[in-house]
Amino acid sequence: VQLQASGGGLVQAGGSLRLSCAVSSRISSFYDMGWYRQAPGKQREWVSSITRHGTTNYADSVKGRFTISGDSAKTTVYLQMNSLKPEDTAVYFCRARRLAVGGELDFWGQGTLVTVSS
């Protein structure tokens, strides 16, 4: 399984970006897909996730500004980011989890850099 994150870039505070995570398998084959981010000098943190049934969750820091979406019949998950703040600056990673015999399989994309200028 391969995940390819894209859509990052430089944007001014208050602006918007849409990140995409292209997956080599249908996203319905994963029980959970999510976005994480890692700012310079900080630990990676969870941003948002969506289950195979369409249930979404968000970190408090992005709630109301970010929207995760994905069509279970397709192979791309999106993160629409609005009202961006300088503190949203980070490398954003997508993650997919699949149940397997004896546990779960965990897949990560390579990350895409989002820079928000003040």
PDB file of N, CA and C in Angstrom:
ATOM      1  N   VAL A   1       0.850  -1.189   0.000  1.00  0.00           N
ATOM      2  CA  VAL A   1       0.000   0.000   0.000  1.00  0.00           C
ATOM      3  C   VAL A   1       0.883   1.236   0.000  1.00  0.00           C
ATOM      4  N   GLN A   2       0.562   2.171  -0.863  1.00  0.00           N
ATOM      5  CA  GLN A   2       1.302   3.437  -0.910  1.00  0.00           C
ATOM      6  C   GLN A   2       0.359   4.610  -0.717  1.00  0.00           C
ATOM      7  N   LEU A   3       0.814   5.586   0.041  1.00  0.00           N
ATOM      8  CA  LEU A   3       0.063   6.810   0.258  1.00  0.00           C
ATOM      9  C   LEU A   3       0.903   7.972  -0.245  1.00  0.00           C
ATOM     10  N   GLN A   4       0.284   8.858  -1.003  1.00  0.00           N
ATOM     11  CA  GLN A   4       0.983  10.012  -1.565  1.00  0.00           C
ATOM     12  C   GLN A   4       0.236  11.272  -1.159  1.00  0.00           C
ATOM     13  N   ALA A   5       0.852  12.049  -0.278  1.00  0.00           N
ATOM     14  CA  ALA A   5       0.255  13.309   0.161  1.00  0.00           C
ATOM     15  C   ALA A   5       0.721  14.437  -0.743  1.00  0.00           C
ATOM     16  N   SER A   6      -0.171  15.363  -1.030  1.00  0.00           N
ATOM     17  CA  SER A   6       0.170  16.511  -1.864  1.00  0.00           C
ATOM     18  C   SER A   6      -0.743  17.688  -1.516  1.00  0.00           C
ATOM     19  N   GLY A   7      -0.423  18.840  -2.073  1.00  0.00           N
ATOM     20  CA  GLY A   7      -1.267  20.010  -1.883  1.00  0.00           C
ATOM     21  C   GLY A   7      -0.709  21.052  -0.937  1.00  0.00           C
ATOM     22  N   GLY A   8       0.404  20.760  -0.312  1.00  0.00           N
ATOM     23  CA  GLY A   8       0.997  21.736   0.594  1.00  0.00           C
ATOM     24  C   GLY A   8       1.552  22.928  -0.165  1.00  0.00           C
ATOM     25  N   GLY A   9       1.925  23.946   0.581  1.00  0.00           N
ATOM     26  CA  GLY A   9       2.487  25.127  -0.040  1.00  0.00           C
ATOM     27  C   GLY A   9       2.565  26.265   0.950  1.00  0.00           C
ATOM     28  N   LEU A  10       2.839  27.450   0.408  1.00  0.00           N
ATOM     29  CA  LEU A  10       2.947  28.662   1.214  1.00  0.00           C
ATOM     30  C   LEU A  10       1.662  29.472   1.047  1.00  0.00           C
ATOM     31  N   VAL A  11       1.083  29.863   2.164  1.00  0.00           N
ATOM     32  CA  VAL A  11      -0.162  30.621   2.130  1.00  0.00           C
ATOM     33  C   VAL A  11      -0.133  31.659   3.244  1.00  0.00           C
ATOM     34  N   GLN A  12      -0.816  32.758   3.035  1.00  0.00           N
ATOM     35  CA  GLN A  12      -0.900  33.780   4.077  1.00  0.00           C
ATOM     36  C   GLN A  12      -1.936  33.381   5.126  1.00  0.00           C
ATOM     37  N   ALA A  13      -1.770  33.894   6.305  1.00  0.00           N
ATOM     38  CA  ALA A  13      -2.742  33.653   7.373  1.00  0.00           C
ATOM     39  C   ALA A  13      -4.133  34.054   6.899  1.00  0.00           C
ATOM     40  N   GLY A  14      -5.102  33.208   7.210  1.00  0.00           N
ATOM     41  CA  GLY A  14      -6.467  33.433   6.761  1.00  0.00           C
ATOM     42  C   GLY A  14      -6.796  32.742   5.459  1.00  0.00           C
ATOM     43  N   GLY A  15      -5.785  32.245   4.789  1.00  0.00           N
ATOM     44  CA  GLY A  15      -5.981  31.591   3.511  1.00  0.00           C
ATOM     45  C   GLY A  15      -6.397  30.134   3.658  1.00  0.00           C
ATOM     46  N   SER A  16      -6.474  29.462   2.507  1.00  0.00           N
ATOM     47  CA  SER A  16      -6.931  28.077   2.473  1.00  0.00           C
ATOM     48  C   SER A  16      -6.002  27.219   1.622  1.00  0.00           C
ATOM     49  N   LEU A  17      -5.975  25.956   1.955  1.00  0.00           N
ATOM     50  CA  LEU A  17      -5.301  24.943   1.157  1.00  0.00           C
ATOM     51  C   LEU A  17      -6.115  23.660   1.232  1.00  0.00           C
ATOM     52  N   ARG A  18      -5.991  22.845   0.203  1.00  0.00           N
ATOM     53  CA  ARG A  18      -6.595  21.517   0.255  1.00  0.00           C
ATOM     54  C   ARG A  18      -5.517  20.475   0.030  1.00  0.00           C
ATOM     55  N   LEU A  19      -5.360  19.620   1.015  1.00  0.00           N
ATOM     56  CA  LEU A  19      -4.404  18.517   0.914  1.00  0.00           C
ATOM     57  C   LEU A  19      -5.116  17.286   0.378  1.00  0.00           C
ATOM     58  N   SER A  20      -4.372  16.509  -0.385  1.00  0.00           N
ATOM     59  CA  SER A  20      -4.892  15.257  -0.929  1.00  0.00           C
ATOM     60  C   SER A  20      -3.987  14.111  -0.498  1.00  0.00           C
ATOM     61  N   CYS A  21      -4.592  12.985  -0.245  1.00  0.00           N
ATOM     62  CA  CYS A  21      -3.835  11.758   0.056  1.00  0.00           C
ATOM     63  C   CYS A  21      -4.324  10.694  -0.908  1.00  0.00           C
ATOM     64  N   ALA A  22      -3.514  10.405  -1.901  1.00  0.00           N
ATOM     65  CA  ALA A  22      -3.860   9.380  -2.883  1.00  0.00           C
ATOM     66  C   ALA A  22      -3.367   8.031  -2.379  1.00  0.00           C
ATOM     67  N   VAL A  23      -4.244   7.058  -2.400  1.00  0.00           N
ATOM     68  CA  VAL A  23      -3.947   5.740  -1.850  1.00  0.00           C
ATOM     69  C   VAL A  23      -3.997   4.707  -2.961  1.00  0.00           C
ATOM     70  N   SER A  24      -3.134   3.713  -2.864  1.00  0.00           N
ATOM     71  CA  SER A  24      -3.069   2.705  -3.921  1.00  0.00           C
ATOM     72  C   SER A  24      -4.134   1.639  -3.777  1.00  0.00           C
ATOM     73  N   SER A  25      -4.944   1.729  -2.711  1.00  0.00           N
ATOM     74  CA  SER A  25      -6.079   0.834  -2.514  1.00  0.00           C
ATOM     75  C   SER A  25      -7.321   1.670  -2.225  1.00  0.00           C
ATOM     76  N   ARG A  26      -8.485   1.081  -2.444  1.00  0.00           N
ATOM     77  CA  ARG A  26      -9.716   1.801  -2.109  1.00  0.00           C
ATOM     78  C   ARG A  26      -9.722   2.121  -0.621  1.00  0.00           C
ATOM     79  N   ILE A  27     -10.137   3.339  -0.295  1.00  0.00           N
ATOM     80  CA  ILE A  27     -10.095   3.724   1.104  1.00  0.00           C
ATOM     81  C   ILE A  27     -11.093   2.929   1.939  1.00  0.00           C
ATOM     82  N   SER A  28     -12.045   2.272   1.287  1.00  0.00           N
ATOM     83  CA  SER A  28     -12.982   1.420   2.031  1.00  0.00           C
ATOM     84  C   SER A  28     -12.285   0.195   2.611  1.00  0.00           C
ATOM     85  N   SER A  29     -11.057  -0.093   2.152  1.00  0.00           N
ATOM     86  CA  SER A  29     -10.327  -1.246   2.675  1.00  0.00           C
ATOM     87  C   SER A  29      -9.638  -0.930   3.995  1.00  0.00           C
ATOM     88  N   PHE A  30      -9.681   0.330   4.407  1.00  0.00           N
ATOM     89  CA  PHE A  30      -9.081   0.753   5.673  1.00  0.00           C
ATOM     90  C   PHE A  30     -10.184   1.092   6.661  1.00  0.00           C
ATOM     91  N   TYR A  31      -9.975   0.780   7.919  1.00  0.00           N
ATOM     92  CA  TYR A  31     -11.020   1.111   8.878  1.00  0.00           C
ATOM     93  C   TYR A  31     -10.893   2.559   9.353  1.00  0.00           C
ATOM     94  N   ASP A  32      -9.773   3.155   9.059  1.00  0.00           N
ATOM     95  CA  ASP A  32      -9.536   4.518   9.533  1.00  0.00           C
ATOM     96  C   ASP A  32      -8.460   5.176   8.671  1.00  0.00           C
ATOM     97  N   MET A  33      -8.703   6.425   8.305  1.00  0.00           N
ATOM     98  CA  MET A  33      -7.661   7.207   7.643  1.00  0.00           C
ATOM     99  C   MET A  33      -7.585   8.553   8.328  1.00  0.00           C
ATOM    100  N   GLY A  34      -6.369   9.080   8.403  1.00  0.00           N
ATOM    101  CA  GLY A  34      -6.233  10.332   9.120  1.00  0.00           C
ATOM    102  C   GLY A  34      -5.108  11.202   8.625  1.00  0.00           C
ATOM    103  N   TRP A  35      -5.129  12.430   9.108  1.00  0.00           N
ATOM    104  CA  TRP A  35      -4.067  13.396   8.849  1.00  0.00           C
ATOM    105  C   TRP A  35      -3.379  13.728  10.166  1.00  0.00           C
ATOM    106  N   TYR A  36      -2.073  13.801  10.099  1.00  0.00           N
ATOM    107  CA  TYR A  36      -1.245  14.173  11.234  1.00  0.00           C
ATOM    108  C   TYR A  36      -0.318  15.293  10.770  1.00  0.00           C
ATOM    109  N   ARG A  37       0.265  15.991  11.729  1.00  0.00           N
ATOM    110  CA  ARG A  37       1.215  17.023  11.342  1.00  0.00           C
ATOM    111  C   ARG A  37       2.351  17.085  12.352  1.00  0.00           C
ATOM    112  N   GLN A  38       3.478  17.573  11.860  1.00  0.00           N
ATOM    113  CA  GLN A  38       4.645  17.723  12.713  1.00  0.00           C
ATOM    114  C   GLN A  38       5.291  19.060  12.425  1.00  0.00           C
ATOM    115  N   ALA A  39       5.240  19.934  13.418  1.00  0.00           N
ATOM    116  CA  ALA A  39       5.869  21.240  13.298  1.00  0.00           C
ATOM    117  C   ALA A  39       7.338  21.123  13.683  1.00  0.00           C
ATOM    118  N   PRO A  40       8.174  22.055  13.237  1.00  0.00           N
ATOM    119  CA  PRO A  40       9.601  21.997  13.568  1.00  0.00           C
ATOM    120  C   PRO A  40       9.823  21.944  15.074  1.00  0.00           C
ATOM    121  N   GLY A  41      10.597  20.969  15.503  1.00  0.00           N
ATOM    122  CA  GLY A  41      10.936  20.849  16.904  1.00  0.00           C
ATOM    123  C   GLY A  41       9.843  20.278  17.781  1.00  0.00           C
ATOM    124  N   LYS A  42       8.759  19.826  17.170  1.00  0.00           N
ATOM    125  CA  LYS A  42       7.642  19.286  17.945  1.00  0.00           C
ATOM    126  C   LYS A  42       7.343  17.854  17.530  1.00  0.00           C
ATOM    127  N   GLN A  43       6.585  17.181  18.376  1.00  0.00           N
ATOM    128  CA  GLN A  43       6.184  15.815  18.068  1.00  0.00           C
ATOM    129  C   GLN A  43       5.041  15.808  17.057  1.00  0.00           C
ATOM    130  N   ARG A  44       4.936  14.719  16.350  1.00  0.00           N
ATOM    131  CA  ARG A  44       3.830  14.568  15.413  1.00  0.00           C
ATOM    132  C   ARG A  44       2.526  14.515  16.197  1.00  0.00           C
ATOM    133  N   GLU A  45       1.507  15.196  15.691  1.00  0.00           N
ATOM    134  CA  GLU A  45       0.219  15.215  16.373  1.00  0.00           C
ATOM    135  C   GLU A  45      -0.901  14.879  15.402  1.00  0.00           C
ATOM    136  N   TRP A  46      -1.922  14.309  15.942  1.00  0.00           N
ATOM    137  CA  TRP A  46      -3.110  13.960  15.169  1.00  0.00           C
ATOM    138  C   TRP A  46      -3.897  15.228  14.861  1.00  0.00           C
ATOM    139  N   VAL A  47      -4.420  15.309  13.633  1.00  0.00           N
ATOM    140  CA  VAL A  47      -5.201  16.464  13.200  1.00  0.00           C
ATOM    141  C   VAL A  47      -6.663  16.082  12.984  1.00  0.00           C
ATOM    142  N   SER A  48      -6.871  15.021  12.216  1.00  0.00           N
ATOM    143  CA  SER A  48      -8.238  14.656  11.861  1.00  0.00           C
ATOM    144  C   SER A  48      -8.249  13.223  11.355  1.00  0.00           C
ATOM    145  N   SER A  49      -9.409  12.583  11.443  1.00  0.00           N
ATOM    146  CA  SER A  49      -9.535  11.227  10.914  1.00  0.00           C
ATOM    147  C   SER A  49     -10.951  10.995  10.417  1.00  0.00           C
ATOM    148  N   ILE A  50     -11.060   9.993   9.568  1.00  0.00           N
ATOM    149  CA  ILE A  50     -12.355   9.590   9.028  1.00  0.00           C
ATOM    150  C   ILE A  50     -12.397   8.070   8.992  1.00  0.00           C
ATOM    151  N   THR A  51     -13.503   7.515   9.456  1.00  0.00           N
ATOM    152  CA  THR A  51     -13.628   6.059   9.441  1.00  0.00           C
ATOM    153  C   THR A  51     -14.211   5.605   8.102  1.00  0.00           C
ATOM    154  N   ARG A  52     -14.195   4.304   7.884  1.00  0.00           N
ATOM    155  CA  ARG A  52     -14.723   3.765   6.635  1.00  0.00           C
ATOM    156  C   ARG A  52     -16.223   4.025   6.513  1.00  0.00           C
ATOM    157  N   HIS A  53     -16.860   4.320   7.622  1.00  0.00           N
ATOM    158  CA  HIS A  53     -18.284   4.607   7.603  1.00  0.00           C
ATOM    159  C   HIS A  53     -18.576   6.092   7.495  1.00  0.00           C
ATOM    160  N   GLY A  54     -17.515   6.899   7.419  1.00  0.00           N
ATOM    161  CA  GLY A  54     -17.694   8.331   7.214  1.00  0.00           C
ATOM    162  C   GLY A  54     -17.708   9.170   8.471  1.00  0.00           C
ATOM    163  N   THR A  55     -17.469   8.561   9.618  1.00  0.00           N
ATOM    164  CA  THR A  55     -17.425   9.327  10.858  1.00  0.00           C
ATOM    165  C   THR A  55     -16.116  10.121  10.914  1.00  0.00           C
ATOM    166  N   THR A  56     -16.253  11.409  11.196  1.00  0.00           N
ATOM    167  CA  THR A  56     -15.079  12.276  11.226  1.00  0.00           C
ATOM    168  C   THR A  56     -14.806  12.798  12.638  1.00  0.00           C
ATOM    169  N   ASN A  57     -13.543  13.055  12.889  1.00  0.00           N
ATOM    170  CA  ASN A  57     -13.124  13.629  14.159  1.00  0.00           C
ATOM    171  C   ASN A  57     -12.002  14.629  13.910  1.00  0.00           C
ATOM    172  N   TYR A  58     -11.928  15.614  14.791  1.00  0.00           N
ATOM    173  CA  TYR A  58     -10.945  16.680  14.621  1.00  0.00           C
ATOM    174  C   TYR A  58     -10.288  17.038  15.949  1.00  0.00           C
ATOM    175  N   ALA A  59      -9.033  17.417  15.870  1.00  0.00           N
ATOM    176  CA  ALA A  59      -8.370  17.988  17.031  1.00  0.00           C
ATOM    177  C   ALA A  59      -9.020  19.335  17.342  1.00  0.00           C
ATOM    178  N   ASP A  60      -9.041  19.690  18.609  1.00  0.00           N
ATOM    179  CA  ASP A  60      -9.678  20.950  19.006  1.00  0.00           C
ATOM    180  C   ASP A  60      -9.055  22.143  18.286  1.00  0.00           C
ATOM    181  N   SER A  61      -7.764  22.056  18.013  1.00  0.00           N
ATOM    182  CA  SER A  61      -7.057  23.181  17.409  1.00  0.00           C
ATOM    183  C   SER A  61      -7.498  23.476  15.979  1.00  0.00           C
ATOM    184  N   VAL A  62      -8.138  22.521  15.321  1.00  0.00           N
ATOM    185  CA  VAL A  62      -8.535  22.720  13.920  1.00  0.00           C
ATOM    186  C   VAL A  62     -10.040  22.618  13.721  1.00  0.00           C
ATOM    187  N   LYS A  63     -10.759  22.277  14.767  1.00  0.00           N
ATOM    188  CA  LYS A  63     -12.200  22.097  14.655  1.00  0.00           C
ATOM    189  C   LYS A  63     -12.858  23.389  14.168  1.00  0.00           C
ATOM    190  N   GLY A  64     -13.733  23.247  13.187  1.00  0.00           N
ATOM    191  CA  GLY A  64     -14.402  24.409  12.625  1.00  0.00           C
ATOM    192  C   GLY A  64     -13.652  25.064  11.483  1.00  0.00           C
ATOM    193  N   ARG A  65     -12.392  24.702  11.311  1.00  0.00           N
ATOM    194  CA  ARG A  65     -11.580  25.282  10.230  1.00  0.00           C
ATOM    195  C   ARG A  65     -11.187  24.247   9.175  1.00  0.00           C
ATOM    196  N   PHE A  66     -10.969  23.013   9.600  1.00  0.00           N
ATOM    197  CA  PHE A  66     -10.533  21.953   8.704  1.00  0.00           C
ATOM    198  C   PHE A  66     -11.678  20.969   8.475  1.00  0.00           C
ATOM    199  N   THR A  67     -11.702  20.405   7.287  1.00  0.00           N
ATOM    200  CA  THR A  67     -12.700  19.390   6.959  1.00  0.00           C
ATOM    201  C   THR A  67     -12.026  18.232   6.243  1.00  0.00           C
ATOM    202  N   ILE A  68     -12.210  17.040   6.791  1.00  0.00           N
ATOM    203  CA  ILE A  68     -11.681  15.831   6.150  1.00  0.00           C
ATOM    204  C   ILE A  68     -12.802  15.178   5.359  1.00  0.00           C
ATOM    205  N   SER A  69     -12.467  14.646   4.214  1.00  0.00           N
ATOM    206  CA  SER A  69     -13.486  13.985   3.399  1.00  0.00           C
ATOM    207  C   SER A  69     -12.839  12.882   2.575  1.00  0.00           C
ATOM    208  N   GLY A  70     -13.679  11.968   2.159  1.00  0.00           N
ATOM    209  CA  GLY A  70     -13.187  10.875   1.336  1.00  0.00           C
ATOM    210  C   GLY A  70     -14.353  10.022   0.901  1.00  0.00           C
ATOM    211  N   ASP A  71     -14.301   9.553  -0.299  1.00  0.00           N
ATOM    212  CA  ASP A  71     -15.343   8.679  -0.835  1.00  0.00           C
ATOM    213  C   ASP A  71     -14.837   7.252  -0.728  1.00  0.00           C
ATOM    214  N   SER A  72     -15.572   6.415   0.020  1.00  0.00           N
ATOM    215  CA  SER A  72     -15.102   5.050   0.273  1.00  0.00           C
ATOM    216  C   SER A  72     -14.947   4.240  -1.007  1.00  0.00           C
ATOM    217  N   ALA A  73     -15.617   4.673  -2.074  1.00  0.00           N
ATOM    218  CA  ALA A  73     -15.493   3.958  -3.337  1.00  0.00           C
ATOM    219  C   ALA A  73     -14.279   4.395  -4.133  1.00  0.00           C
ATOM    220  N   LYS A  74     -13.636   5.434  -3.636  1.00  0.00           N
ATOM    221  CA  LYS A  74     -12.504   5.973  -4.370  1.00  0.00           C
ATOM    222  C   LYS A  74     -11.211   5.799  -3.588  1.00  0.00           C
ATOM    223  N   THR A  75     -10.182   6.499  -4.029  1.00  0.00           N
ATOM    224  CA  THR A  75      -8.863   6.252  -3.464  1.00  0.00           C
ATOM    225  C   THR A  75      -8.161   7.521  -2.999  1.00  0.00           C
ATOM    226  N   THR A  76      -8.915   8.553  -2.676  1.00  0.00           N
ATOM    227  CA  THR A  76      -8.301   9.795  -2.234  1.00  0.00           C
ATOM    228  C   THR A  76      -9.045  10.344  -1.027  1.00  0.00           C
ATOM    229  N   VAL A  77      -8.277  10.793  -0.051  1.00  0.00           N
ATOM    230  CA  VAL A  77      -8.821  11.475   1.121  1.00  0.00           C
ATOM    231  C   VAL A  77      -8.296  12.903   1.091  1.00  0.00           C
ATOM    232  N   TYR A  78      -9.169  13.838   1.444  1.00  0.00           N
ATOM    233  CA  TYR A  78      -8.815  15.250   1.379  1.00  0.00           C
ATOM    234  C   TYR A  78      -8.848  15.882   2.767  1.00  0.00           C
ATOM    235  N   LEU A  79      -8.094  16.945   2.909  1.00  0.00           N
ATOM    236  CA  LEU A  79      -8.174  17.787   4.097  1.00  0.00           C
ATOM    237  C   LEU A  79      -8.276  19.227   3.612  1.00  0.00           C
ATOM    238  N   GLN A  80      -9.471  19.776   3.719  1.00  0.00           N
ATOM    239  CA  GLN A  80      -9.686  21.170   3.372  1.00  0.00           C
ATOM    240  C   GLN A  80      -9.350  22.012   4.578  1.00  0.00           C
ATOM    241  N   MET A  81      -8.423  22.928   4.405  1.00  0.00           N
ATOM    242  CA  MET A  81      -7.954  23.752   5.521  1.00  0.00           C
ATOM    243  C   MET A  81      -8.277  25.207   5.224  1.00  0.00           C
ATOM    244  N   ASN A  82      -9.134  25.773   6.044  1.00  0.00           N
ATOM    245  CA  ASN A  82      -9.535  27.166   5.899  1.00  0.00           C
ATOM    246  C   ASN A  82      -9.074  27.976   7.099  1.00  0.00           C
ATOM    247  N   SER A  83      -9.093  29.278   6.954  1.00  0.00           N
ATOM    248  CA  SER A  83      -8.703  30.178   8.048  1.00  0.00           C
ATOM    249  C   SER A  83      -7.381  29.753   8.664  1.00  0.00           C
ATOM    250  N   LEU A  84      -6.412  29.508   7.826  1.00  0.00           N
ATOM    251  CA  LEU A  84      -5.126  29.007   8.302  1.00  0.00           C
ATOM    252  C   LEU A  84      -4.418  30.022   9.176  1.00  0.00           C
ATOM    253  N   LYS A  85      -3.697  29.489  10.150  1.00  0.00           N
ATOM    254  CA  LYS A  85      -2.951  30.305  11.108  1.00  0.00           C
ATOM    255  C   LYS A  85      -1.468  29.939  11.027  1.00  0.00           C
ATOM    256  N   PRO A  86      -0.599  30.844  11.421  1.00  0.00           N
ATOM    257  CA  PRO A  86       0.843  30.508  11.420  1.00  0.00           C
ATOM    258  C   PRO A  86       1.149  29.235  12.209  1.00  0.00           C
ATOM    259  N   GLU A  87       0.402  28.984  13.256  1.00  0.00           N
ATOM    260  CA  GLU A  87       0.646  27.781  14.058  1.00  0.00           C
ATOM    261  C   GLU A  87       0.221  26.493  13.362  1.00  0.00           C
ATOM    262  N   ASP A  88      -0.411  26.605  12.201  1.00  0.00           N
ATOM    263  CA  ASP A  88      -0.725  25.421  11.393  1.00  0.00           C
ATOM    264  C   ASP A  88       0.469  24.987  10.544  1.00  0.00           C
ATOM    265  N   THR A  89       1.515  25.787  10.553  1.00  0.00           N
ATOM    266  CA  THR A  89       2.708  25.447   9.786  1.00  0.00           C
ATOM    267  C   THR A  89       3.296  24.129  10.274  1.00  0.00           C
ATOM    268  N   ALA A  90       3.452  23.184   9.359  1.00  0.00           N
ATOM    269  CA  ALA A  90       3.952  21.853   9.710  1.00  0.00           C
ATOM    270  C   ALA A  90       4.055  21.019   8.445  1.00  0.00           C
ATOM    271  N   VAL A  91       4.693  19.878   8.595  1.00  0.00           N
ATOM    272  CA  VAL A  91       4.613  18.855   7.562  1.00  0.00           C
ATOM    273  C   VAL A  91       3.399  17.992   7.883  1.00  0.00           C
ATOM    274  N   TYR A  92       2.531  17.822   6.909  1.00  0.00           N
ATOM    275  CA  TYR A  92       1.303  17.067   7.092  1.00  0.00           C
ATOM    276  C   TYR A  92       1.449  15.685   6.463  1.00  0.00           C
ATOM    277  N   PHE A  93       1.072  14.667   7.239  1.00  0.00           N
ATOM    278  CA  PHE A  93       1.173  13.282   6.815  1.00  0.00           C
ATOM    279  C   PHE A  93      -0.210  12.647   6.811  1.00  0.00           C
ATOM    280  N   CYS A  94      -0.421  11.754   5.862  1.00  0.00           N
ATOM    281  CA  CYS A  94      -1.649  10.968   5.911  1.00  0.00           C
ATOM    282  C   CYS A  94      -1.311   9.553   6.368  1.00  0.00           C
ATOM    283  N   ARG A  95      -2.290   8.945   6.991  1.00  0.00           N
ATOM    284  CA  ARG A  95      -2.115   7.628   7.593  1.00  0.00           C
ATOM    285  C   ARG A  95      -3.334   6.780   7.285  1.00  0.00           C
ATOM    286  N   ALA A  96      -3.110   5.513   7.061  1.00  0.00           N
ATOM    287  CA  ALA A  96      -4.211   4.589   6.824  1.00  0.00           C
ATOM    288  C   ALA A  96      -3.993   3.351   7.681  1.00  0.00           C
ATOM    289  N   ARG A  97      -5.060   2.853   8.265  1.00  0.00           N
ATOM    290  CA  ARG A  97      -4.966   1.665   9.108  1.00  0.00           C
ATOM    291  C   ARG A  97      -5.934   0.608   8.623  1.00  0.00           C
ATOM    292  N   ARG A  98      -5.430  -0.618   8.590  1.00  0.00           N
ATOM    293  CA  ARG A  98      -6.213  -1.741   8.104  1.00  0.00           C
ATOM    294  C   ARG A  98      -6.108  -2.872   9.101  1.00  0.00           C
ATOM    295  N   LEU A  99      -7.224  -3.503   9.382  1.00  0.00           N
ATOM    296  CA  LEU A  99      -7.212  -4.655  10.278  1.00  0.00           C
ATOM    297  C   LEU A  99      -6.523  -5.838   9.593  1.00  0.00           C
ATOM    298  N   ALA A 100      -5.769  -6.584  10.392  1.00  0.00           N
ATOM    299  CA  ALA A 100      -5.083  -7.766   9.876  1.00  0.00           C
ATOM    300  C   ALA A 100      -5.142  -8.851  10.940  1.00  0.00           C
ATOM    301  N   VAL A 101      -4.854 -10.052  10.547  1.00  0.00           N
ATOM    302  CA  VAL A 101      -4.835 -11.158  11.500  1.00  0.00           C
ATOM    303  C   VAL A 101      -3.796 -10.857  12.572  1.00  0.00           C
ATOM    304  N   GLY A 102      -4.228 -10.840  13.815  1.00  0.00           N
ATOM    305  CA  GLY A 102      -3.299 -10.607  14.904  1.00  0.00           C
ATOM    306  C   GLY A 102      -3.072  -9.154  15.244  1.00  0.00           C
ATOM    307  N   GLY A 103      -3.727  -8.243  14.531  1.00  0.00           N
ATOM    308  CA  GLY A 103      -3.520  -6.829  14.867  1.00  0.00           C
ATOM    309  C   GLY A 103      -3.968  -5.919  13.759  1.00  0.00           C
ATOM    310  N   GLU A 104      -3.164  -4.918  13.466  1.00  0.00           N
ATOM    311  CA  GLU A 104      -3.513  -4.006  12.387  1.00  0.00           C
ATOM    312  C   GLU A 104      -2.265  -3.630  11.608  1.00  0.00           C
ATOM    313  N   LEU A 105      -2.494  -3.194  10.389  1.00  0.00           N
ATOM    314  CA  LEU A 105      -1.430  -2.686   9.530  1.00  0.00           C
ATOM    315  C   LEU A 105      -1.543  -1.174   9.476  1.00  0.00           C
ATOM    316  N   ASP A 106      -0.406  -0.511   9.506  1.00  0.00           N
ATOM    317  CA  ASP A 106      -0.336   0.939   9.623  1.00  0.00           C
ATOM    318  C   ASP A 106       0.506   1.477   8.461  1.00  0.00           C
ATOM    319  N   PHE A 107      -0.087   2.369   7.673  1.00  0.00           N
ATOM    320  CA  PHE A 107       0.607   2.904   6.494  1.00  0.00           C
ATOM    321  C   PHE A 107       0.677   4.432   6.594  1.00  0.00           C
ATOM    322  N   TRP A 108       1.818   4.983   6.186  1.00  0.00           N
ATOM    323  CA  TRP A 108       2.025   6.434   6.232  1.00  0.00           C
ATOM    324  C   TRP A 108       2.486   6.939   4.870  1.00  0.00           C
ATOM    325  N   GLY A 109       2.048   8.160   4.548  1.00  0.00           N
ATOM    326  CA  GLY A 109       2.562   8.840   3.372  1.00  0.00           C
ATOM    327  C   GLY A 109       3.825   9.608   3.724  1.00  0.00           C
ATOM    328  N   GLN A 110       4.411  10.251   2.731  1.00  0.00           N
ATOM    329  CA  GLN A 110       5.709  10.888   2.917  1.00  0.00           C
ATOM    330  C   GLN A 110       5.621  12.302   3.473  1.00  0.00           C
ATOM    331  N   GLY A 111       4.477  12.916   3.507  1.00  0.00           N
ATOM    332  CA  GLY A 111       4.320  14.252   4.065  1.00  0.00           C
ATOM    333  C   GLY A 111       4.353  15.349   3.022  1.00  0.00           C
ATOM    334  N   THR A 112       3.619  16.414   3.314  1.00  0.00           N
ATOM    335  CA  THR A 112       3.616  17.594   2.456  1.00  0.00           C
ATOM    336  C   THR A 112       3.683  18.828   3.360  1.00  0.00           C
ATOM    337  N   LEU A 113       4.524  19.773   2.988  1.00  0.00           N
ATOM    338  CA  LEU A 113       4.813  20.915   3.849  1.00  0.00           C
ATOM    339  C   LEU A 113       3.787  22.024   3.645  1.00  0.00           C
ATOM    340  N   VAL A 114       3.235  22.478   4.750  1.00  0.00           N
ATOM    341  CA  VAL A 114       2.330  23.629   4.754  1.00  0.00           C
ATOM    342  C   VAL A 114       2.995  24.742   5.551  1.00  0.00           C
ATOM    343  N   THR A 115       3.137  25.904   4.923  1.00  0.00           N
ATOM    344  CA  THR A 115       3.737  27.054   5.585  1.00  0.00           C
ATOM    345  C   THR A 115       2.737  28.200   5.548  1.00  0.00           C
ATOM    346  N   VAL A 116       2.395  28.697   6.727  1.00  0.00           N
ATOM    347  CA  VAL A 116       1.434  29.801   6.821  1.00  0.00           C
ATOM    348  C   VAL A 116       2.175  31.027   7.331  1.00  0.00           C
ATOM    349  N   SER A 117       2.197  32.056   6.517  1.00  0.00           N
ATOM    350  CA  SER A 117       2.908  33.277   6.901  1.00  0.00           C
ATOM    351  C   SER A 117       1.952  34.248   7.581  1.00  0.00           C
ATOM    352  N   SER A 118       2.510  35.021   8.499  1.00  0.00           N
ATOM    353  CA  SER A 118       1.670  35.976   9.254  1.00  0.00           C
ATOM    354  C   SER A 118       1.585  37.316   8.546  1.00  0.00           C
TER     355      SER A 118
END
